[in-house]
């Protein structure tokens, strides 16, 4: 119960793994049942992960570059190569 309350974002498997590392013999299903009975279910990952990714990009935008390398063929059968680099903050 303490691991579940101290680490609300951990899933059942993570809690199970931590308990095994501490030397306890318990199944994942038992951990799930105990935490659900106490009302400690892991948070919704989709919304949280999306928000964290957006916050990460905003925090790191000054140092991030987006790149693309492509080629195109001309009418004269020549191949032109282009390297495109863009700063994320702009």
C-alpha atoms as a PDB file:
ATOM      1  CA  UNK A   1       0.000   0.000   0.000  1.00  0.00           C
ATOM      2  CA  UNK A   2       2.824   2.390   0.839  1.00  0.00           C
ATOM      3  CA  UNK A   3       4.523   1.926  -2.547  1.00  0.00           C
ATOM      4  CA  UNK A   4       1.210   2.665  -4.256  1.00  0.00           C
ATOM      5  CA  UNK A   5       0.556   5.857  -2.311  1.00  0.00           C
ATOM      6  CA  UNK A   6       4.147   7.127  -2.528  1.00  0.00           C
ATOM      7  CA  UNK A   7       4.321   6.452  -6.297  1.00  0.00           C
ATOM      8  CA  UNK A   8       0.855   7.041  -7.761  1.00  0.00           C
ATOM      9  CA  UNK A   9       2.075   6.932 -11.382  1.00  0.00           C
ATOM     10  CA  UNK A  10       3.506   3.428 -11.091  1.00  0.00           C
ATOM     11  CA  UNK A  11       1.503   0.667 -12.689  1.00  0.00           C
ATOM     12  CA  UNK A  12       0.747  -2.675 -11.113  1.00  0.00           C
ATOM     13  CA  UNK A  13       3.675  -4.384 -12.803  1.00  0.00           C
ATOM     14  CA  UNK A  14       6.137  -1.720 -11.665  1.00  0.00           C
ATOM     15  CA  UNK A  15       4.884  -2.067  -8.092  1.00  0.00           C
ATOM     16  CA  UNK A  16       5.148  -5.836  -8.389  1.00  0.00           C
ATOM     17  CA  UNK A  17       8.723  -5.571  -9.655  1.00  0.00           C
ATOM     18  CA  UNK A  18       9.743  -3.272  -6.819  1.00  0.00           C
ATOM     19  CA  UNK A  19       8.226  -5.625  -4.247  1.00  0.00           C
ATOM     20  CA  UNK A  20      10.129  -8.558  -5.769  1.00  0.00           C
ATOM     21  CA  UNK A  21      13.361  -6.547  -5.612  1.00  0.00           C
ATOM     22  CA  UNK A  22      12.698  -6.053  -1.904  1.00  0.00           C
ATOM     23  CA  UNK A  23      12.432  -9.836  -1.513  1.00  0.00           C
ATOM     24  CA  UNK A  24       8.657 -10.285  -1.299  1.00  0.00           C
ATOM     25  CA  UNK A  25       6.996 -13.174  -3.106  1.00  0.00           C
ATOM     26  CA  UNK A  26       3.720 -11.897  -4.507  1.00  0.00           C
ATOM     27  CA  UNK A  27       1.909 -12.104  -7.840  1.00  0.00           C
ATOM     28  CA  UNK A  28       1.037  -9.198 -10.102  1.00  0.00           C
ATOM     29  CA  UNK A  29      -2.656 -10.058  -9.787  1.00  0.00           C
ATOM     30  CA  UNK A  30      -2.446  -9.784  -5.998  1.00  0.00           C
ATOM     31  CA  UNK A  31      -0.757  -6.385  -6.234  1.00  0.00           C
ATOM     32  CA  UNK A  32      -3.462  -5.237  -8.675  1.00  0.00           C
ATOM     33  CA  UNK A  33      -6.252  -6.507  -6.402  1.00  0.00           C
ATOM     34  CA  UNK A  34      -4.802  -4.840  -3.280  1.00  0.00           C
ATOM     35  CA  UNK A  35      -4.241  -1.490  -4.969  1.00  0.00           C
ATOM     36  CA  UNK A  36      -7.670  -1.482  -6.622  1.00  0.00           C
ATOM     37  CA  UNK A  37      -9.342  -2.323  -3.308  1.00  0.00           C
ATOM     38  CA  UNK A  38      -7.588   0.701  -1.778  1.00  0.00           C
ATOM     39  CA  UNK A  39      -8.633   2.893  -4.719  1.00  0.00           C
ATOM     40  CA  UNK A  40      -5.049   3.315  -5.950  1.00  0.00           C
ATOM     41  CA  UNK A  41      -5.220   2.743  -9.679  1.00  0.00           C
ATOM     42  CA  UNK A  42      -2.492   4.154 -11.905  1.00  0.00           C
ATOM     43  CA  UNK A  43      -3.248   7.455 -13.646  1.00  0.00           C
ATOM     44  CA  UNK A  44      -4.324   7.692 -17.263  1.00  0.00           C
ATOM     45  CA  UNK A  45      -1.162   7.442 -19.286  1.00  0.00           C
ATOM     46  CA  UNK A  46      -2.438   8.871 -22.582  1.00  0.00           C
ATOM     47  CA  UNK A  47      -3.299  12.350 -21.317  1.00  0.00           C
ATOM     48  CA  UNK A  48      -0.344  12.509 -18.930  1.00  0.00           C
ATOM     49  CA  UNK A  49       2.201  11.323 -21.476  1.00  0.00           C
ATOM     50  CA  UNK A  50       0.955  13.775 -24.111  1.00  0.00           C
ATOM     51  CA  UNK A  51       1.126  16.685 -21.656  1.00  0.00           C
ATOM     52  CA  UNK A  52       4.617  15.692 -20.489  1.00  0.00           C
ATOM     53  CA  UNK A  53       5.851  15.456 -24.083  1.00  0.00           C
ATOM     54  CA  UNK A  54       4.492  18.933 -24.860  1.00  0.00           C
ATOM     55  CA  UNK A  55       6.121  20.369 -21.735  1.00  0.00           C
ATOM     56  CA  UNK A  56       9.410  18.680 -22.629  1.00  0.00           C
ATOM     57  CA  UNK A  57       9.374  20.140 -26.145  1.00  0.00           C
ATOM     58  CA  UNK A  58       8.636  23.627 -24.839  1.00  0.00           C
ATOM     59  CA  UNK A  59      11.457  23.386 -22.288  1.00  0.00           C
ATOM     60  CA  UNK A  60      13.983  22.046 -24.809  1.00  0.00           C
ATOM     61  CA  UNK A  61      12.920  24.063 -27.873  1.00  0.00           C
ATOM     62  CA  UNK A  62      15.970  26.337 -27.748  1.00  0.00           C
ATOM     63  CA  UNK A  63      18.317  23.406 -28.322  1.00  0.00           C
ATOM     64  CA  UNK A  64      16.282  21.202 -30.680  1.00  0.00           C
ATOM     65  CA  UNK A  65      16.698  21.007 -34.432  1.00  0.00           C
ATOM     66  CA  UNK A  66      14.386  19.267 -36.880  1.00  0.00           C
ATOM     67  CA  UNK A  67      16.157  17.850 -39.947  1.00  0.00           C
ATOM     68  CA  UNK A  68      15.181  16.170 -43.173  1.00  0.00           C
ATOM     69  CA  UNK A  69      17.282  14.868 -46.044  1.00  0.00           C
ATOM     70  CA  UNK A  70      15.632  14.257 -49.400  1.00  0.00           C
ATOM     71  CA  UNK A  71      16.307  14.147 -53.128  1.00  0.00           C
ATOM     72  CA  UNK A  72      14.410  15.023 -56.259  1.00  0.00           C
ATOM     73  CA  UNK A  73      14.983  14.172 -59.912  1.00  0.00           C
ATOM     74  CA  UNK A  74      14.895  16.932 -62.507  1.00  0.00           C
ATOM     75  CA  UNK A  75      13.612  16.844 -66.083  1.00  0.00           C
ATOM     76  CA  UNK A  76      17.233  16.630 -67.275  1.00  0.00           C
ATOM     77  CA  UNK A  77      17.608  13.370 -65.273  1.00  0.00           C
ATOM     78  CA  UNK A  78      19.827  14.951 -62.674  1.00  0.00           C
ATOM     79  CA  UNK A  79      19.344  14.160 -59.010  1.00  0.00           C
ATOM     80  CA  UNK A  80      19.378  17.068 -56.571  1.00  0.00           C
ATOM     81  CA  UNK A  81      19.920  16.468 -52.856  1.00  0.00           C
ATOM     82  CA  UNK A  82      18.699  18.746 -50.103  1.00  0.00           C
ATOM     83  CA  UNK A  83      19.364  18.863 -46.392  1.00  0.00           C
ATOM     84  CA  UNK A  84      16.693  20.805 -44.528  1.00  0.00           C
ATOM     85  CA  UNK A  85      17.370  22.028 -40.982  1.00  0.00           C
ATOM     86  CA  UNK A  86      14.931  24.036 -38.876  1.00  0.00           C
ATOM     87  CA  UNK A  87      15.148  25.345 -35.302  1.00  0.00           C
ATOM     88  CA  UNK A  88      12.152  24.127 -33.326  1.00  0.00           C
ATOM     89  CA  UNK A  89      11.758  27.382 -31.363  1.00  0.00           C
ATOM     90  CA  UNK A  90      11.205  29.354 -34.595  1.00  0.00           C
END
